């Protein structure tokens, strides 16, 4: 398990790590920040991207209002997973976070291709 560091994120997307803050009053920021833990090896640009995608663990509610959980799908070994999306998707709409691949884009659907028997080792 990787080491974590606490960061403080404000609604406007500004953030500071616990190592950067000596005194909250000195920052001159409001006290409506939220706390998150991120892997210590992430660079500042990576954290900026995750914040912009609302992709930090705990940023999204467990069960977002208006959405229905469709369940977890397991792709069998040897299969290929293809993600279809609109041609105007931005490359930063796809990110990796620990053991999750997060796709934040409308009109996305997936296709699973299963090799025919006897062709798995080809």
Protein backbone atom coordinates (compact mmCIF):
# COMPACT_ATOMS: atom_id res chain seq x y z
CA UNK A 1 0.00 0.00 0.00
CA UNK A 2 1.42 3.40 -0.96
CA UNK A 3 1.93 6.24 1.48
CA UNK A 4 -0.73 8.95 1.52
CA UNK A 5 -0.66 12.69 2.14
CA UNK A 6 -3.61 14.83 3.16
CA UNK A 7 -4.63 17.69 0.88
CA UNK A 8 -7.16 20.46 1.45
CA UNK A 9 -9.36 21.40 -1.53
CA UNK A 10 -11.51 24.54 -1.83
CA UNK A 11 -14.63 24.79 -4.05
CA UNK A 12 -12.70 26.86 -6.63
CA UNK A 13 -10.23 23.97 -7.12
CA UNK A 14 -7.36 25.53 -5.14
CA UNK A 15 -5.58 23.04 -2.94
CA UNK A 16 -2.65 22.75 -0.53
CA UNK A 17 -0.97 19.73 0.96
CA UNK A 18 -0.66 19.33 4.70
CA UNK A 19 3.08 19.95 4.32
CA UNK A 20 2.46 23.39 2.75
CA UNK A 21 0.15 24.73 5.45
CA UNK A 22 1.54 26.22 8.62
CA UNK A 23 -1.50 28.32 9.52
CA UNK A 24 -4.90 28.33 7.76
CA UNK A 25 -5.50 31.99 8.65
CA UNK A 26 -2.23 32.93 6.93
CA UNK A 27 -3.61 31.50 3.66
CA UNK A 28 -6.49 33.96 3.70
CA UNK A 29 -8.85 31.23 2.43
CA UNK A 30 -12.33 30.41 3.67
CA UNK A 31 -12.86 27.44 5.96
CA UNK A 32 -15.12 25.58 3.49
CA UNK A 33 -12.36 23.25 2.30
CA UNK A 34 -12.61 19.46 2.15
CA UNK A 35 -9.89 17.01 3.11
CA UNK A 36 -8.73 14.15 0.89
CA UNK A 37 -5.86 11.70 0.98
CA UNK A 38 -3.83 11.09 -2.17
CA UNK A 39 -0.79 8.89 -2.90
CA UNK A 40 2.34 10.78 -1.88
CA UNK A 41 4.04 10.06 -5.23
CA UNK A 42 1.47 12.06 -7.28
CA UNK A 43 2.79 15.23 -8.89
CA UNK A 44 0.93 18.56 -8.52
CA UNK A 45 -0.30 18.38 -12.14
CA UNK A 46 -1.76 14.91 -11.50
CA UNK A 47 -3.60 16.18 -8.42
CA UNK A 48 -4.92 19.20 -10.39
CA UNK A 49 -6.27 16.83 -13.05
CA UNK A 50 -7.92 14.51 -10.52
CA UNK A 51 -9.58 17.49 -8.80
CA UNK A 52 -10.87 18.84 -12.12
CA UNK A 53 -12.39 15.42 -12.89
CA UNK A 54 -13.87 15.04 -9.40
CA UNK A 55 -11.92 11.79 -9.31
CA UNK A 56 -10.34 11.84 -5.86
CA UNK A 57 -11.53 9.03 -3.58
CA UNK A 58 -14.44 10.44 -1.60
CA UNK A 59 -15.15 13.36 -3.97
CA UNK A 60 -18.24 11.78 -5.45
CA UNK A 61 -21.03 10.58 -3.17
CA UNK A 62 -21.33 6.81 -2.73
CA UNK A 63 -24.63 6.88 -4.58
CA UNK A 64 -24.93 10.02 -6.73
CA UNK A 65 -28.42 11.49 -6.93
CA UNK A 66 -30.16 10.71 -10.23
CA UNK A 67 -27.82 7.87 -11.14
CA UNK A 68 -28.41 4.18 -10.76
CA UNK A 69 -25.60 1.76 -9.99
CA UNK A 70 -25.51 -0.79 -12.80
CA UNK A 71 -23.35 -3.29 -10.96
CA UNK A 72 -19.85 -4.58 -11.46
CA UNK A 73 -18.91 -6.42 -14.63
CA UNK A 74 -15.98 -8.82 -14.74
CA UNK A 75 -14.22 -9.28 -18.07
CA UNK A 76 -12.93 -12.85 -18.43
CA UNK A 77 -9.22 -13.45 -18.92
CA UNK A 78 -8.19 -13.34 -22.58
CA UNK A 79 -10.98 -10.92 -23.52
CA UNK A 80 -10.55 -7.40 -24.82
CA UNK A 81 -12.48 -4.42 -23.48
CA UNK A 82 -13.14 -1.62 -25.98
CA UNK A 83 -14.43 1.75 -24.76
CA UNK A 84 -16.41 3.64 -27.40
CA UNK A 85 -16.76 7.41 -27.06
CA UNK A 86 -17.52 10.50 -29.07
CA UNK A 87 -14.69 11.81 -31.24
CA UNK A 88 -14.52 15.06 -29.30
CA UNK A 89 -13.55 13.41 -25.98
CA UNK A 90 -10.63 15.12 -24.29
CA UNK A 91 -7.67 12.92 -23.42
CA UNK A 92 -7.78 14.15 -19.83
CA UNK A 93 -11.27 12.59 -19.47
CA UNK A 94 -9.60 9.23 -18.81
CA UNK A 95 -7.41 8.75 -15.78
CA UNK A 96 -6.00 5.98 -13.60
CA UNK A 97 -6.41 6.15 -9.85
CA UNK A 98 -4.99 3.29 -7.83
CA UNK A 99 -6.91 0.23 -9.07
CA UNK A 100 -9.57 2.12 -11.07
CA UNK A 101 -9.81 3.36 -14.64
CA UNK A 102 -12.06 6.43 -14.51
CA UNK A 103 -13.77 7.66 -17.69
CA UNK A 104 -15.54 10.98 -17.28
CA UNK A 105 -17.25 11.48 -20.63
CA UNK A 106 -20.78 11.40 -22.03
CA UNK A 107 -21.87 8.84 -24.60
CA UNK A 108 -19.41 6.18 -23.48
CA UNK A 109 -20.22 2.50 -23.90
CA UNK A 110 -18.12 -0.63 -23.69
CA UNK A 111 -17.78 -3.71 -25.85
CA UNK A 112 -16.25 -7.02 -24.77
CA UNK A 113 -14.60 -9.20 -27.40
CA UNK A 114 -14.12 -12.85 -26.49
CA UNK A 115 -11.61 -14.93 -28.48
CA UNK A 116 -12.98 -18.07 -30.11
CA UNK A 117 -12.00 -21.33 -28.44
CA UNK A 118 -8.51 -22.39 -29.47
CA UNK A 119 -7.47 -18.81 -30.43
CA UNK A 120 -6.64 -17.56 -26.94
CA UNK A 121 -2.97 -18.51 -27.25
CA UNK A 122 -2.61 -17.34 -30.86
